[in-house]
Amino acid sequence: MVATGAVVGWGWFGCLPLGVMFLVAGLLVPSTARWAERTRTRTPTVPQRQAA
């Protein structure tokens, strides 16, 4: 709602901060994904039961 109000109310100057926000978020995605993969906990494997 705030972003929509800024774009509608301020026109071009409302779009500029919104675009910068999306640009920064997009630039942070690769480093955030690497961090998530690096710090992910491995789930222990459950031993398979043998059929009787």
C-alpha atoms as a PDB file:
ATOM      1  CA  MET A   1       0.000   0.000   0.000  1.00  0.00           C
ATOM      2  CA  VAL A   2       2.797   2.415   0.841  1.00  0.00           C
ATOM      3  CA  ALA A   3       4.670   1.603  -2.363  1.00  0.00           C
ATOM      4  CA  THR A   4       1.518   2.048  -4.441  1.00  0.00           C
ATOM      5  CA  GLY A   5       0.775   5.331  -2.731  1.00  0.00           C
ATOM      6  CA  ALA A   6       4.305   6.575  -3.341  1.00  0.00           C
ATOM      7  CA  VAL A   7       4.196   5.677  -7.028  1.00  0.00           C
ATOM      8  CA  VAL A   8       0.767   7.173  -7.582  1.00  0.00           C
ATOM      9  CA  GLY A   9       1.251  10.231  -5.405  1.00  0.00           C
ATOM     10  CA  TRP A  10       4.816  11.150  -6.332  1.00  0.00           C
ATOM     11  CA  GLY A  11       4.936   9.952  -9.927  1.00  0.00           C
ATOM     12  CA  TRP A  12       8.483   9.484 -11.251  1.00  0.00           C
ATOM     13  CA  PHE A  13      10.041  10.317  -7.892  1.00  0.00           C
ATOM     14  CA  GLY A  14       7.898   7.618  -6.290  1.00  0.00           C
ATOM     15  CA  CYS A  15       9.021   5.028  -8.847  1.00  0.00           C
ATOM     16  CA  LEU A  16      12.686   5.756  -8.303  1.00  0.00           C
ATOM     17  CA  PRO A  17      12.979   4.492  -4.686  1.00  0.00           C
ATOM     18  CA  LEU A  18      10.830   1.489  -5.558  1.00  0.00           C
ATOM     19  CA  GLY A  19      13.114   0.620  -8.451  1.00  0.00           C
ATOM     20  CA  VAL A  20      16.195   1.040  -6.274  1.00  0.00           C
ATOM     21  CA  MET A  21      14.650  -1.267  -3.679  1.00  0.00           C
ATOM     22  CA  PHE A  22      14.044  -3.972  -6.298  1.00  0.00           C
ATOM     23  CA  LEU A  23      17.547  -3.502  -7.703  1.00  0.00           C
ATOM     24  CA  VAL A  24      19.159  -3.951  -4.288  1.00  0.00           C
ATOM     25  CA  ALA A  25      16.978  -6.976  -3.534  1.00  0.00           C
ATOM     26  CA  GLY A  26      17.928  -8.539  -6.861  1.00  0.00           C
ATOM     27  CA  LEU A  27      21.620  -7.939  -6.267  1.00  0.00           C
ATOM     28  CA  LEU A  28      21.426  -9.587  -2.843  1.00  0.00           C
ATOM     29  CA  VAL A  29      19.800 -12.806  -4.084  1.00  0.00           C
ATOM     30  CA  PRO A  30      22.990 -14.662  -5.194  1.00  0.00           C
ATOM     31  CA  SER A  31      24.878 -13.987  -1.964  1.00  0.00           C
ATOM     32  CA  THR A  32      21.823 -14.862   0.116  1.00  0.00           C
ATOM     33  CA  ALA A  33      21.386 -18.149  -1.753  1.00  0.00           C
ATOM     34  CA  ARG A  34      25.070 -19.028  -1.224  1.00  0.00           C
ATOM     35  CA  TRP A  35      24.731 -18.252   2.495  1.00  0.00           C
ATOM     36  CA  ALA A  36      21.601 -20.407   2.745  1.00  0.00           C
ATOM     37  CA  GLU A  37      23.305 -23.362   1.070  1.00  0.00           C
ATOM     38  CA  ARG A  38      26.411 -22.971   3.217  1.00  0.00           C
ATOM     39  CA  THR A  39      24.552 -22.832   6.536  1.00  0.00           C
ATOM     40  CA  ARG A  40      21.872 -25.406   5.729  1.00  0.00           C
ATOM     41  CA  THR A  41      21.684 -28.251   8.200  1.00  0.00           C
ATOM     42  CA  ARG A  42      21.840 -31.705   6.727  1.00  0.00           C
ATOM     43  CA  THR A  43      18.988 -33.968   7.703  1.00  0.00           C
ATOM     44  CA  PRO A  44      20.106 -37.334   9.010  1.00  0.00           C
ATOM     45  CA  THR A  45      19.275 -40.224   6.750  1.00  0.00           C
ATOM     46  CA  VAL A  46      16.813 -42.722   8.094  1.00  0.00           C
ATOM     47  CA  PRO A  47      18.009 -46.338   7.753  1.00  0.00           C
ATOM     48  CA  GLN A  48      15.860 -48.402   5.417  1.00  0.00           C
ATOM     49  CA  ARG A  49      13.935 -51.255   6.962  1.00  0.00           C
ATOM     50  CA  GLN A  50      14.380 -54.586   5.322  1.00  0.00           C
ATOM     51  CA  ALA A  51      11.316 -56.423   4.148  1.00  0.00           C
ATOM     52  CA  ALA A  52      10.428 -59.459   6.249  1.00  0.00           C
END
